[in-house]
C-alpha atoms as a PDB file:
ATOM      1  CA  MET A   1     -99.271 -59.808 346.666  1.00  0.00           C
ATOM      2  CA  ILE A   2     -96.952 -62.585 347.857  1.00  0.00           C
ATOM      3  CA  TYR A   3     -98.810 -62.631 351.184  1.00  0.00           C
ATOM      4  CA  HIS A   4    -102.090 -63.431 349.378  1.00  0.00           C
ATOM      5  CA  ILE A   5    -100.462 -66.149 347.289  1.00  0.00           C
ATOM      6  CA  PHE A   6     -99.037 -67.679 350.468  1.00  0.00           C
ATOM      7  CA  LYS A   7    -102.430 -67.634 352.220  1.00  0.00           C
ATOM      8  CA  ILE A   8    -104.239 -69.163 349.236  1.00  0.00           C
ATOM      9  CA  SER A   9    -101.541 -71.837 348.914  1.00  0.00           C
ATOM     10  CA  LEU A  10    -101.771 -72.600 352.627  1.00  0.00           C
ATOM     11  CA  GLY A  11    -105.559 -72.908 352.379  1.00  0.00           C
ATOM     12  CA  VAL A  12    -105.333 -75.277 349.421  1.00  0.00           C
ATOM     13  CA  ILE A  13    -102.693 -77.414 351.156  1.00  0.00           C
ATOM     14  CA  LEU A  14    -104.812 -77.635 354.311  1.00  0.00           C
ATOM     15  CA  VAL A  15    -107.895 -78.639 352.321  1.00  0.00           C
ATOM     16  CA  LEU A  16    -105.896 -81.305 350.468  1.00  0.00           C
ATOM     17  CA  ILE A  17    -104.553 -82.671 353.749  1.00  0.00           C
ATOM     18  CA  GLY A  18    -108.132 -82.683 355.021  1.00  0.00           C
ATOM     19  CA  LEU A  19    -109.284 -84.665 351.980  1.00  0.00           C
ATOM     20  CA  ILE A  20    -106.479 -87.172 352.451  1.00  0.00           C
ATOM     21  CA  GLY A  21    -107.456 -87.405 356.104  1.00  0.00           C
ATOM     22  CA  GLY A  22    -110.990 -88.253 355.042  1.00  0.00           C
ATOM     23  CA  ILE A  23    -109.674 -91.261 353.134  1.00  0.00           C
ATOM     24  CA  ILE A  24    -107.271 -92.528 355.805  1.00  0.00           C
ATOM     25  CA  PRO A  25    -109.323 -93.802 358.759  1.00  0.00           C
ATOM     26  CA  ILE A  26    -106.781 -93.058 361.518  1.00  0.00           C
ATOM     27  CA  PHE A  27    -106.234 -89.448 360.454  1.00  0.00           C
ATOM     28  CA  GLN A  28    -108.694 -86.678 361.373  1.00  0.00           C
ATOM     29  CA  GLY A  29    -108.993 -84.662 358.173  1.00  0.00           C
ATOM     30  CA  TRP A  30    -111.530 -82.124 359.383  1.00  0.00           C
ATOM     31  CA  ILE A  31    -108.912 -80.627 361.724  1.00  0.00           C
ATOM     32  CA  PHE A  32    -107.049 -79.422 358.631  1.00  0.00           C
ATOM     33  CA  GLY A  33    -109.920 -79.053 356.170  1.00  0.00           C
ATOM     34  CA  ILE A  34    -112.027 -76.574 358.122  1.00  0.00           C
ATOM     35  CA  PRO A  35    -109.192 -74.043 358.718  1.00  0.00           C
ATOM     36  CA  GLY A  36    -108.246 -74.386 355.047  1.00  0.00           C
ATOM     37  CA  LEU A  37    -111.803 -73.545 354.014  1.00  0.00           C
ATOM     38  CA  ILE A  38    -111.875 -70.590 356.409  1.00  0.00           C
ATOM     39  CA  ILE A  39    -108.670 -69.209 354.875  1.00  0.00           C
ATOM     40  CA  LEU A  40    -109.956 -69.718 351.324  1.00  0.00           C
ATOM     41  CA  SER A  41    -113.327 -68.134 352.113  1.00  0.00           C
ATOM     42  CA  ASN A  42    -111.618 -64.732 352.242  1.00  0.00           C
ATOM     43  CA  TYR A  43    -110.745 -65.080 348.550  1.00  0.00           C
ATOM     44  CA  PHE A  44    -113.504 -67.234 347.019  1.00  0.00           C
ATOM     45  CA  PRO A  45    -117.182 -66.250 347.470  1.00  0.00           C
ATOM     46  CA  PRO A  46    -118.596 -69.774 346.843  1.00  0.00           C
ATOM     47  CA  ILE A  47    -116.569 -71.092 349.779  1.00  0.00           C
ATOM     48  CA  LYS A  48    -117.813 -68.198 351.921  1.00  0.00           C
ATOM     49  CA  ARG A  49    -121.405 -69.140 351.033  1.00  0.00           C
ATOM     50  CA  LEU A  50    -120.680 -72.784 351.890  1.00  0.00           C
ATOM     51  CA  LEU A  51    -119.338 -71.818 355.309  1.00  0.00           C
ATOM     52  CA  SER A  52    -122.307 -69.512 355.953  1.00  0.00           C
ATOM     53  CA  TRP A  53    -124.670 -72.363 355.108  1.00  0.00           C
ATOM     54  CA  ALA A  54    -122.756 -74.715 357.435  1.00  0.00           C
ATOM     55  CA  LYS A  55    -122.881 -72.169 360.273  1.00  0.00           C
ATOM     56  CA  GLU A  56    -126.663 -71.971 359.939  1.00  0.00           C
ATOM     57  CA  LYS A  57    -126.929 -75.769 360.140  1.00  0.00           C
ATOM     58  CA  VAL A  58    -124.747 -76.081 363.238  1.00  0.00           C
ATOM     59  CA  VAL A  59    -126.480 -74.431 366.163  1.00  0.00           C
ATOM     60  CA  PHE A  60    -124.720 -73.851 369.487  1.00  0.00           C
ATOM     61  CA  ASN A  61    -127.014 -73.122 372.448  1.00  0.00           C
ATOM     62  CA  LYS A  62    -129.850 -71.777 370.388  1.00  0.00           C
ATOM     63  CA  LYS A  63    -132.444 -70.161 372.633  1.00  0.00           C
ATOM     64  CA  VAL A  64    -136.025 -70.993 371.764  1.00  0.00           C
END
């Protein structure tokens, strides 16, 4: 139980740092925001759907 609360709190903190990093031009927010979203996707289905959608949009070495 406490482990889950810790992971959710960590995910929220990372996403907030990522948002702050999006506002401050010298700070790369995505470095913190993406791991935060990955952590939160284990607990919140809408975030999991968002990440699945993003994975479909980003294609690495797609063979035609």
